[in-house]
Amino acid sequence: SFPSFRGEKTALRGIPGKLPDLSVENKGCMFKDRCSYA
């Protein structure tokens, strides 16, 4: 998500989704809902 000033130019990619609600119980990995490997 950050531009590189060296090497080949690559397209910036945002991170889809949003932070989880920390006021409720969250099981497992905190990043699971935004992770393509989950």
PDB file of all heavy atoms in Angstrom:
ATOM      1  N   SER A   1       0.814  -1.219   0.000  1.00  0.00           N
ATOM      2  CA  SER A   1       0.000   0.000   0.000  1.00  0.00           C
ATOM      3  C   SER A   1       0.846   1.266   0.000  1.00  0.00           C
ATOM      4  O   SER A   1       0.302   2.374  -0.035  1.00  0.00           O
ATOM      5  CB  SER A   1      -0.936   0.009   1.217  1.00  0.00           C
ATOM      6  OG  SER A   1      -0.207   0.138   2.421  1.00  0.00           O
ATOM      7  N   PHE A   2       2.187   1.117   0.051  1.00  0.00           N
ATOM      8  CA  PHE A   2       3.083   2.270   0.018  1.00  0.00           C
ATOM      9  C   PHE A   2       3.880   2.277  -1.273  1.00  0.00           C
ATOM     10  O   PHE A   2       4.308   1.216  -1.755  1.00  0.00           O
ATOM     11  CB  PHE A   2       4.053   2.238   1.214  1.00  0.00           C
ATOM     12  CG  PHE A   2       3.463   2.763   2.483  1.00  0.00           C
ATOM     13  CD1 PHE A   2       2.738   1.934   3.319  1.00  0.00           C
ATOM     14  CD2 PHE A   2       3.616   4.095   2.841  1.00  0.00           C
ATOM     15  CE1 PHE A   2       2.177   2.420   4.486  1.00  0.00           C
ATOM     16  CE2 PHE A   2       3.069   4.590   4.003  1.00  0.00           C
ATOM     17  CZ  PHE A   2       2.344   3.749   4.826  1.00  0.00           C
ATOM     18  N   PRO A   3       4.097   3.460  -1.846  1.00  0.00           N
ATOM     19  CA  PRO A   3       4.855   3.533  -3.105  1.00  0.00           C
ATOM     20  C   PRO A   3       6.329   3.249  -2.882  1.00  0.00           C
ATOM     21  O   PRO A   3       6.891   3.550  -1.829  1.00  0.00           O
ATOM     22  CB  PRO A   3       4.646   4.987  -3.560  1.00  0.00           C
ATOM     23  CG  PRO A   3       4.394   5.745  -2.287  1.00  0.00           C
ATOM     24  CD  PRO A   3       3.648   4.791  -1.392  1.00  0.00           C
ATOM     25  N   SER A   4       6.951   2.650  -3.868  1.00  0.00           N
ATOM     26  CA  SER A   4       8.385   2.386  -3.830  1.00  0.00           C
ATOM     27  C   SER A   4       9.103   3.386  -4.725  1.00  0.00           C
ATOM     28  O   SER A   4       8.645   3.680  -5.836  1.00  0.00           O
ATOM     29  CB  SER A   4       8.676   0.963  -4.306  1.00  0.00           C
ATOM     30  OG  SER A   4      10.065   0.752  -4.401  1.00  0.00           O
ATOM     31  N   PHE A   5      10.209   3.913  -4.216  1.00  0.00           N
ATOM     32  CA  PHE A   5      10.977   4.881  -4.996  1.00  0.00           C
ATOM     33  C   PHE A   5      12.141   4.224  -5.740  1.00  0.00           C
ATOM     34  O   PHE A   5      12.892   4.886  -6.435  1.00  0.00           O
ATOM     35  CB  PHE A   5      11.509   5.988  -4.079  1.00  0.00           C
ATOM     36  CG  PHE A   5      10.413   6.823  -3.480  1.00  0.00           C
ATOM     37  CD1 PHE A   5       9.992   6.609  -2.184  1.00  0.00           C
ATOM     38  CD2 PHE A   5       9.786   7.802  -4.225  1.00  0.00           C
ATOM     39  CE1 PHE A   5       8.974   7.377  -1.629  1.00  0.00           C
ATOM     40  CE2 PHE A   5       8.761   8.566  -3.690  1.00  0.00           C
ATOM     41  CZ  PHE A   5       8.363   8.350  -2.380  1.00  0.00           C
ATOM     42  N   ARG A   6      12.291   2.923  -5.538  1.00  0.00           N
ATOM     43  CA  ARG A   6      13.373   2.203  -6.199  1.00  0.00           C
ATOM     44  C   ARG A   6      12.799   0.978  -6.900  1.00  0.00           C
ATOM     45  O   ARG A   6      11.767   0.446  -6.517  1.00  0.00           O
ATOM     46  CB  ARG A   6      14.431   1.780  -5.182  1.00  0.00           C
ATOM     47  CG  ARG A   6      15.133   2.949  -4.493  1.00  0.00           C
ATOM     48  CD  ARG A   6      16.134   2.453  -3.475  1.00  0.00           C
ATOM     49  NE  ARG A   6      16.801   3.557  -2.784  1.00  0.00           N
ATOM     50  CZ  ARG A   6      17.660   3.408  -1.788  1.00  0.00           C
ATOM     51  NH1 ARG A   6      17.970   2.193  -1.361  1.00  0.00           N
ATOM     52  NH2 ARG A   6      18.211   4.471  -1.218  1.00  0.00           N
ATOM     53  N   GLY A   7      13.512   0.498  -7.907  1.00  0.00           N
ATOM     54  CA  GLY A   7      13.080  -0.696  -8.606  1.00  0.00           C
ATOM     55  C   GLY A   7      11.926  -0.417  -9.555  1.00  0.00           C
ATOM     56  O   GLY A   7      11.621   0.721  -9.906  1.00  0.00           O
ATOM     57  N   GLU A   8      11.271  -1.500  -9.967  1.00  0.00           N
ATOM     58  CA  GLU A   8      10.174  -1.378 -10.912  1.00  0.00           C
ATOM     59  C   GLU A   8       8.951  -0.745 -10.255  1.00  0.00           C
ATOM     60  O   GLU A   8       8.690  -0.938  -9.075  1.00  0.00           O
ATOM     61  CB  GLU A   8       9.804  -2.768 -11.446  1.00  0.00           C
ATOM     62  CG  GLU A   8      10.900  -3.433 -12.262  1.00  0.00           C
ATOM     63  CD  GLU A   8      10.450  -4.774 -12.813  1.00  0.00           C
ATOM     64  OE1 GLU A   8       9.249  -5.099 -12.679  1.00  0.00           O
ATOM     65  OE2 GLU A   8      11.299  -5.485 -13.369  1.00  0.00           O
ATOM     66  N   LYS A   9       8.198   0.001 -11.067  1.00  0.00           N
ATOM     67  CA  LYS A   9       6.968   0.601 -10.571  1.00  0.00           C
ATOM     68  C   LYS A   9       5.882  -0.473 -10.481  1.00  0.00           C
ATOM     69  O   LYS A   9       5.718  -1.284 -11.384  1.00  0.00           O
ATOM     70  CB  LYS A   9       6.505   1.725 -11.497  1.00  0.00           C
ATOM     71  CG  LYS A   9       7.426   2.935 -11.507  1.00  0.00           C
ATOM     72  CD  LYS A   9       6.873   4.029 -12.408  1.00  0.00           C
ATOM     73  CE  LYS A   9       7.787   5.250 -12.405  1.00  0.00           C
ATOM     74  NZ  LYS A   9       7.259   6.331 -13.276  1.00  0.00           N
ATOM     75  N   THR A  10       5.154  -0.474  -9.371  1.00  0.00           N
ATOM     76  CA  THR A  10       4.069  -1.424  -9.180  1.00  0.00           C
ATOM     77  C   THR A  10       2.811  -0.668  -8.751  1.00  0.00           C
ATOM     78  O   THR A  10       2.896   0.381  -8.119  1.00  0.00           O
ATOM     79  CB  THR A  10       4.414  -2.477  -8.108  1.00  0.00           C
ATOM     80  OG1 THR A  10       4.735  -1.810  -6.873  1.00  0.00           O
ATOM     81  CG2 THR A  10       5.610  -3.322  -8.548  1.00  0.00           C
ATOM     82  N   ALA A  11       1.675  -1.211  -9.086  1.00  0.00           N
ATOM     83  CA  ALA A  11       0.413  -0.577  -8.713  1.00  0.00           C
ATOM     84  C   ALA A  11       0.183  -0.697  -7.214  1.00  0.00           C
ATOM     85  O   ALA A  11       0.446  -1.748  -6.614  1.00  0.00           O
ATOM     86  CB  ALA A  11      -0.740  -1.239  -9.466  1.00  0.00           C
ATOM     87  N   LEU A  12      -0.266   0.407  -6.608  1.00  0.00           N
ATOM     88  CA  LEU A  12      -0.572   0.371  -5.185  1.00  0.00           C
ATOM     89  C   LEU A  12      -1.881  -0.381  -4.969  1.00  0.00           C
ATOM     90  O   LEU A  12      -2.823  -0.257  -5.739  1.00  0.00           O
ATOM     91  CB  LEU A  12      -0.692   1.793  -4.628  1.00  0.00           C
ATOM     92  CG  LEU A  12       0.558   2.664  -4.713  1.00  0.00           C
ATOM     93  CD1 LEU A  12       0.276   4.025  -4.089  1.00  0.00           C
ATOM     94  CD2 LEU A  12       1.732   2.000  -4.019  1.00  0.00           C
ATOM     95  N   ARG A  13      -1.900  -1.158  -3.891  1.00  0.00           N
ATOM     96  CA  ARG A  13      -3.091  -1.932  -3.576  1.00  0.00           C
ATOM     97  C   ARG A  13      -3.559  -1.609  -2.163  1.00  0.00           C
ATOM     98  O   ARG A  13      -2.803  -1.752  -1.210  1.00  0.00           O
ATOM     99  CB  ARG A  13      -2.803  -3.430  -3.693  1.00  0.00           C
ATOM    100  CG  ARG A  13      -2.566  -3.912  -5.098  1.00  0.00           C
ATOM    101  CD  ARG A  13      -2.490  -5.429  -5.108  1.00  0.00           C
ATOM    102  NE  ARG A  13      -1.172  -5.888  -5.472  1.00  0.00           N
ATOM    103  CZ  ARG A  13      -0.780  -7.154  -5.400  1.00  0.00           C
ATOM    104  NH1 ARG A  13      -1.604  -8.073  -4.946  1.00  0.00           N
ATOM    105  NH2 ARG A  13       0.438  -7.498  -5.762  1.00  0.00           N
ATOM    106  N   GLY A  14      -4.784  -1.147  -2.046  1.00  0.00           N
ATOM    107  CA  GLY A  14      -5.335  -0.901  -0.725  1.00  0.00           C
ATOM    108  C   GLY A  14      -5.702  -2.203  -0.037  1.00  0.00           C
ATOM    109  O   GLY A  14      -5.713  -3.274  -0.652  1.00  0.00           O
ATOM    110  N   ILE A  15      -5.996  -2.111   1.263  1.00  0.00           N
ATOM    111  CA  ILE A  15      -6.410  -3.287   2.024  1.00  0.00           C
ATOM    112  C   ILE A  15      -7.928  -3.231   2.169  1.00  0.00           C
ATOM    113  O   ILE A  15      -8.446  -2.356   2.856  1.00  0.00           O
ATOM    114  CB  ILE A  15      -5.738  -3.308   3.416  1.00  0.00           C
ATOM    115  CG1 ILE A  15      -4.221  -3.184   3.278  1.00  0.00           C
ATOM    116  CG2 ILE A  15      -6.100  -4.581   4.160  1.00  0.00           C
ATOM    117  CD1 ILE A  15      -3.489  -3.065   4.607  1.00  0.00           C
ATOM    118  N   PRO A  16      -8.648  -4.114   1.526  1.00  0.00           N
ATOM    119  CA  PRO A  16     -10.115  -4.060   1.602  1.00  0.00           C
ATOM    120  C   PRO A  16     -10.610  -4.371   3.010  1.00  0.00           C
ATOM    121  O   PRO A  16      -9.930  -5.021   3.801  1.00  0.00           O
ATOM    122  CB  PRO A  16     -10.551  -5.141   0.611  1.00  0.00           C
ATOM    123  CG  PRO A  16      -9.401  -6.080   0.536  1.00  0.00           C
ATOM    124  CD  PRO A  16      -8.176  -5.238   0.709  1.00  0.00           C
ATOM    125  N   GLY A  17     -11.836  -3.900   3.304  1.00  0.00           N
ATOM    126  CA  GLY A  17     -12.420  -4.169   4.612  1.00  0.00           C
ATOM    127  C   GLY A  17     -12.050  -3.121   5.641  1.00  0.00           C
ATOM    128  O   GLY A  17     -11.484  -2.078   5.323  1.00  0.00           O
ATOM    129  N   LYS A  18     -12.350  -3.405   6.902  1.00  0.00           N
ATOM    130  CA  LYS A  18     -12.076  -2.468   7.981  1.00  0.00           C
ATOM    131  C   LYS A  18     -11.689  -3.215   9.249  1.00  0.00           C
ATOM    132  O   LYS A  18     -11.850  -4.443   9.341  1.00  0.00           O
ATOM    133  CB  LYS A  18     -13.309  -1.596   8.241  1.00  0.00           C
ATOM    134  CG  LYS A  18     -14.547  -2.370   8.638  1.00  0.00           C
ATOM    135  CD  LYS A  18     -15.738  -1.443   8.835  1.00  0.00           C
ATOM    136  CE  LYS A  18     -16.987  -2.237   9.228  1.00  0.00           C
ATOM    137  NZ  LYS A  18     -18.163  -1.344   9.431  1.00  0.00           N
ATOM    138  N   LEU A  19     -11.182  -2.473  10.223  1.00  0.00           N
ATOM    139  CA  LEU A  19     -10.784  -3.073  11.494  1.00  0.00           C
ATOM    140  C   LEU A  19     -11.981  -3.742  12.162  1.00  0.00           C
ATOM    141  O   LEU A  19     -13.110  -3.252  12.068  1.00  0.00           O
ATOM    142  CB  LEU A  19     -10.220  -2.000  12.435  1.00  0.00           C
ATOM    143  CG  LEU A  19      -8.823  -1.465  12.141  1.00  0.00           C
ATOM    144  CD1 LEU A  19      -8.587  -0.183  12.908  1.00  0.00           C
ATOM    145  CD2 LEU A  19      -7.769  -2.491  12.520  1.00  0.00           C
ATOM    146  N   PRO A  20     -11.757  -4.843  12.882  1.00  0.00           N
ATOM    147  CA  PRO A  20     -12.857  -5.491  13.599  1.00  0.00           C
ATOM    148  C   PRO A  20     -13.289  -4.664  14.807  1.00  0.00           C
ATOM    149  O   PRO A  20     -12.558  -3.792  15.272  1.00  0.00           O
ATOM    150  CB  PRO A  20     -12.231  -6.825  14.044  1.00  0.00           C
ATOM    151  CG  PRO A  20     -10.771  -6.543  14.139  1.00  0.00           C
ATOM    152  CD  PRO A  20     -10.483  -5.564  13.040  1.00  0.00           C
ATOM    153  N   ASP A  21     -14.488  -4.921  15.284  1.00  0.00           N
ATOM    154  CA  ASP A  21     -15.016  -4.266  16.482  1.00  0.00           C
ATOM    155  C   ASP A  21     -14.314  -4.849  17.703  1.00  0.00           C
ATOM    156  O   ASP A  21     -14.497  -6.027  18.033  1.00  0.00           O
ATOM    157  CB  ASP A  21     -16.523  -4.488  16.562  1.00  0.00           C
ATOM    158  CG  ASP A  21     -17.166  -3.728  17.719  1.00  0.00           C
ATOM    159  OD1 ASP A  21     -16.429  -3.174  18.564  1.00  0.00           O
ATOM    160  OD2 ASP A  21     -18.408  -3.698  17.783  1.00  0.00           O
ATOM    161  N   LEU A  22     -13.508  -4.050  18.382  1.00  0.00           N
ATOM    162  CA  LEU A  22     -12.726  -4.537  19.521  1.00  0.00           C
ATOM    163  C   LEU A  22     -13.528  -4.594  20.811  1.00  0.00           C
ATOM    164  O   LEU A  22     -13.004  -4.980  21.850  1.00  0.00           O
ATOM    165  CB  LEU A  22     -11.484  -3.658  19.718  1.00  0.00           C
ATOM    166  CG  LEU A  22     -10.534  -3.560  18.518  1.00  0.00           C
ATOM    167  CD1 LEU A  22      -9.297  -2.740  18.881  1.00  0.00           C
ATOM    168  CD2 LEU A  22     -10.122  -4.951  18.026  1.00  0.00           C
ATOM    169  N   SER A  23     -14.799  -4.206  20.758  1.00  0.00           N
ATOM    170  CA  SER A  23     -15.649  -4.259  21.948  1.00  0.00           C
ATOM    171  C   SER A  23     -16.437  -5.569  22.036  1.00  0.00           C
ATOM    172  O   SER A  23     -17.177  -5.786  22.989  1.00  0.00           O
ATOM    173  CB  SER A  23     -16.621  -3.079  21.967  1.00  0.00           C
ATOM    174  OG  SER A  23     -17.562  -3.182  20.916  1.00  0.00           O
ATOM    175  N   VAL A  24     -16.278  -6.435  21.024  1.00  0.00           N
ATOM    176  CA  VAL A  24     -16.925  -7.749  21.057  1.00  0.00           C
ATOM    177  C   VAL A  24     -15.849  -8.824  21.061  1.00  0.00           C
ATOM    178  O   VAL A  24     -14.681  -8.569  20.750  1.00  0.00           O
ATOM    179  CB  VAL A  24     -17.861  -7.935  19.837  1.00  0.00           C
ATOM    180  CG1 VAL A  24     -18.940  -6.873  19.827  1.00  0.00           C
ATOM    181  CG2 VAL A  24     -17.078  -7.909  18.521  1.00  0.00           C
ATOM    182  N   GLU A  25     -16.232 -10.036  21.424  1.00  0.00           N
ATOM    183  CA  GLU A  25     -15.272 -11.136  21.460  1.00  0.00           C
ATOM    184  C   GLU A  25     -14.858 -11.492  20.034  1.00  0.00           C
ATOM    185  O   GLU A  25     -15.695 -11.712  19.158  1.00  0.00           O
ATOM    186  CB  GLU A  25     -15.885 -12.349  22.135  1.00  0.00           C
ATOM    187  CG  GLU A  25     -14.932 -13.521  22.231  1.00  0.00           C
ATOM    188  CD  GLU A  25     -15.556 -14.750  22.875  1.00  0.00           C
ATOM    189  OE1 GLU A  25     -16.743 -14.678  23.244  1.00  0.00           O
ATOM    190  OE2 GLU A  25     -14.856 -15.774  22.996  1.00  0.00           O
ATOM    191  N   ASN A  26     -13.555 -11.546  19.822  1.00  0.00           N
ATOM    192  CA  ASN A  26     -13.024 -11.907  18.509  1.00  0.00           C
ATOM    193  C   ASN A  26     -12.217 -13.195  18.627  1.00  0.00           C
ATOM    194  O   ASN A  26     -11.230 -13.247  19.373  1.00  0.00           O
ATOM    195  CB  ASN A  26     -12.134 -10.790  17.965  1.00  0.00           C
ATOM    196  CG  ASN A  26     -12.918  -9.584  17.492  1.00  0.00           C
ATOM    197  OD1 ASN A  26     -13.453  -9.572  16.397  1.00  0.00           O
ATOM    198  ND2 ASN A  26     -13.010  -8.561  18.334  1.00  0.00           N
ATOM    199  N   LYS A  27     -12.636 -14.219  17.923  1.00  0.00           N
ATOM    200  CA  LYS A  27     -11.917 -15.487  17.934  1.00  0.00           C
ATOM    201  C   LYS A  27     -10.865 -15.510  16.825  1.00  0.00           C
ATOM    202  O   LYS A  27     -10.964 -14.792  15.837  1.00  0.00           O
ATOM    203  CB  LYS A  27     -12.889 -16.648  17.728  1.00  0.00           C
ATOM    204  CG  LYS A  27     -13.897 -16.850  18.849  1.00  0.00           C
ATOM    205  CD  LYS A  27     -14.771 -18.051  18.546  1.00  0.00           C
ATOM    206  CE  LYS A  27     -15.774 -18.289  19.667  1.00  0.00           C
ATOM    207  NZ  LYS A  27     -16.650 -19.463  19.376  1.00  0.00           N
ATOM    208  N   GLY A  28      -9.891 -16.372  17.023  1.00  0.00           N
ATOM    209  CA  GLY A  28      -8.903 -16.599  15.982  1.00  0.00           C
ATOM    210  C   GLY A  28      -8.025 -15.406  15.682  1.00  0.00           C
ATOM    211  O   GLY A  28      -7.767 -14.557  16.537  1.00  0.00           O
ATOM    212  N   CYS A  29      -7.577 -15.315  14.431  1.00  0.00           N
ATOM    213  CA  CYS A  29      -6.687 -14.236  13.992  1.00  0.00           C
ATOM    214  C   CYS A  29      -7.476 -12.944  13.806  1.00  0.00           C
ATOM    215  O   CYS A  29      -8.551 -12.949  13.203  1.00  0.00           O
ATOM    216  CB  CYS A  29      -6.014 -14.636  12.686  1.00  0.00           C
ATOM    217  SG  CYS A  29      -4.955 -13.348  11.976  1.00  0.00           S
ATOM    218  N   MET A  30      -6.944 -11.833  14.283  1.00  0.00           N
ATOM    219  CA  MET A  30      -7.637 -10.559  14.176  1.00  0.00           C
ATOM    220  C   MET A  30      -7.731 -10.081  12.728  1.00  0.00           C
ATOM    221  O   MET A  30      -8.602  -9.286  12.380  1.00  0.00           O
ATOM    222  CB  MET A  30      -6.927  -9.501  15.027  1.00  0.00           C
ATOM    223  CG  MET A  30      -6.923  -9.799  16.530  1.00  0.00           C
ATOM    224  SD  MET A  30      -8.586  -9.960  17.218  1.00  0.00           S
ATOM    225  CE  MET A  30      -9.175  -8.276  17.074  1.00  0.00           C
ATOM    226  N   PHE A  31      -6.865 -10.574  11.856  1.00  0.00           N
ATOM    227  CA  PHE A  31      -6.834 -10.113  10.470  1.00  0.00           C
ATOM    228  C   PHE A  31      -7.646 -11.016   9.538  1.00  0.00           C
ATOM    229  O   PHE A  31      -7.715 -10.771   8.342  1.00  0.00           O
ATOM    230  CB  PHE A  31      -5.379 -10.040   9.990  1.00  0.00           C
ATOM    231  CG  PHE A  31      -5.183  -9.373   8.660  1.00  0.00           C
ATOM    232  CD1 PHE A  31      -5.622  -8.076   8.426  1.00  0.00           C
ATOM    233  CD2 PHE A  31      -4.562 -10.051   7.618  1.00  0.00           C
ATOM    234  CE1 PHE A  31      -5.436  -7.463   7.200  1.00  0.00           C
ATOM    235  CE2 PHE A  31      -4.368  -9.444   6.380  1.00  0.00           C
ATOM    236  CZ  PHE A  31      -4.815  -8.144   6.174  1.00  0.00           C
ATOM    237  N   LYS A  32      -8.292 -12.029  10.067  1.00  0.00           N
ATOM    238  CA  LYS A  32      -8.910 -13.072   9.238  1.00  0.00           C
ATOM    239  C   LYS A  32      -9.933 -12.543   8.233  1.00  0.00           C
ATOM    240  O   LYS A  32     -10.030 -13.047   7.110  1.00  0.00           O
ATOM    241  CB  LYS A  32      -9.561 -14.127  10.137  1.00  0.00           C
ATOM    242  CG  LYS A  32     -10.649 -13.577  11.062  1.00  0.00           C
ATOM    243  CD  LYS A  32     -11.169 -14.658  11.991  1.00  0.00           C
ATOM    244  CE  LYS A  32     -12.256 -14.106  12.923  1.00  0.00           C
ATOM    245  NZ  LYS A  32     -11.720 -13.103  13.867  1.00  0.00           N
ATOM    246  N   ASP A  33     -10.726 -11.533   8.623  1.00  0.00           N
ATOM    247  CA  ASP A  33     -11.803 -11.059   7.752  1.00  0.00           C
ATOM    248  C   ASP A  33     -11.292 -10.255   6.556  1.00  0.00           C
ATOM    249  O   ASP A  33     -12.055 -10.002   5.616  1.00  0.00           O
ATOM    250  CB  ASP A  33     -12.790 -10.194   8.556  1.00  0.00           C
ATOM    251  CG  ASP A  33     -13.542 -11.005   9.604  1.00  0.00           C
ATOM    252  OD1 ASP A  33     -13.710 -12.223   9.398  1.00  0.00           O
ATOM    253  OD2 ASP A  33     -13.941 -10.426  10.635  1.00  0.00           O
ATOM    254  N   ARG A  34     -10.035  -9.849   6.583  1.00  0.00           N
ATOM    255  CA  ARG A  34      -9.470  -9.065   5.478  1.00  0.00           C
ATOM    256  C   ARG A  34      -8.346  -9.810   4.764  1.00  0.00           C
ATOM    257  O   ARG A  34      -7.684  -9.251   3.898  1.00  0.00           O
ATOM    258  CB  ARG A  34      -8.937  -7.722   6.005  1.00  0.00           C
ATOM    259  CG  ARG A  34      -9.982  -6.901   6.730  1.00  0.00           C
ATOM    260  CD  ARG A  34      -9.381  -5.671   7.402  1.00  0.00           C
ATOM    261  NE  ARG A  34      -9.007  -4.646   6.445  1.00  0.00           N
ATOM    262  CZ  ARG A  34      -8.430  -3.484   6.801  1.00  0.00           C
ATOM    263  NH1 ARG A  34      -8.187  -3.229   8.081  1.00  0.00           N
ATOM    264  NH2 ARG A  34      -8.124  -2.590   5.884  1.00  0.00           N
ATOM    265  N   CYS A  35      -8.147 -11.060   5.143  1.00  0.00           N
ATOM    266  CA  CYS A  35      -6.999 -11.822   4.658  1.00  0.00           C
ATOM    267  C   CYS A  35      -7.418 -12.817   3.582  1.00  0.00           C
ATOM    268  O   CYS A  35      -8.335 -13.619   3.784  1.00  0.00           O
ATOM    269  CB  CYS A  35      -6.342 -12.562   5.825  1.00  0.00           C
ATOM    270  SG  CYS A  35      -4.881 -13.530   5.347  1.00  0.00           S
ATOM    271  N   SER A  36      -6.729 -12.783   2.459  1.00  0.00           N
ATOM    272  CA  SER A  36      -7.050 -13.694   1.357  1.00  0.00           C
ATOM    273  C   SER A  36      -6.528 -15.109   1.606  1.00  0.00           C
ATOM    274  O   SER A  36      -6.894 -16.047   0.882  1.00  0.00           O
ATOM    275  CB  SER A  36      -6.466 -13.148   0.046  1.00  0.00           C
ATOM    276  OG  SER A  36      -5.059 -12.998   0.154  1.00  0.00           O
ATOM    277  N   TYR A  37      -5.678 -15.285   2.621  1.00  0.00           N
ATOM    278  CA  TYR A  37      -5.133 -16.607   2.935  1.00  0.00           C
ATOM    279  C   TYR A  37      -5.906 -17.311   4.050  1.00  0.00           C
ATOM    280  O   TYR A  37      -5.593 -18.450   4.391  1.00  0.00           O
ATOM    281  CB  TYR A  37      -3.672 -16.483   3.384  1.00  0.00           C
ATOM    282  CG  TYR A  37      -2.746 -15.900   2.346  1.00  0.00           C
ATOM    283  CD1 TYR A  37      -2.470 -14.532   2.322  1.00  0.00           C
ATOM    284  CD2 TYR A  37      -2.134 -16.696   1.385  1.00  0.00           C
ATOM    285  CE1 TYR A  37      -1.619 -13.983   1.377  1.00  0.00           C
ATOM    286  CE2 TYR A  37      -1.277 -16.164   0.431  1.00  0.00           C
ATOM    287  CZ  TYR A  37      -1.025 -14.804   0.437  1.00  0.00           C
ATOM    288  OH  TYR A  37      -0.183 -14.271  -0.504  1.00  0.00           O
ATOM    289  N   ALA A  38      -6.899 -16.649   4.635  1.00  0.00           N
ATOM    290  CA  ALA A  38      -7.590 -17.173   5.818  1.00  0.00           C
ATOM    291  C   ALA A  38      -8.316 -18.492   5.518  1.00  0.00           C
ATOM    292  O   ALA A  38      -8.966 -18.644   4.486  1.00  0.00           O
ATOM    293  CB  ALA A  38      -8.567 -16.138   6.350  1.00  0.00           C
TER     294      ALA A  38
END
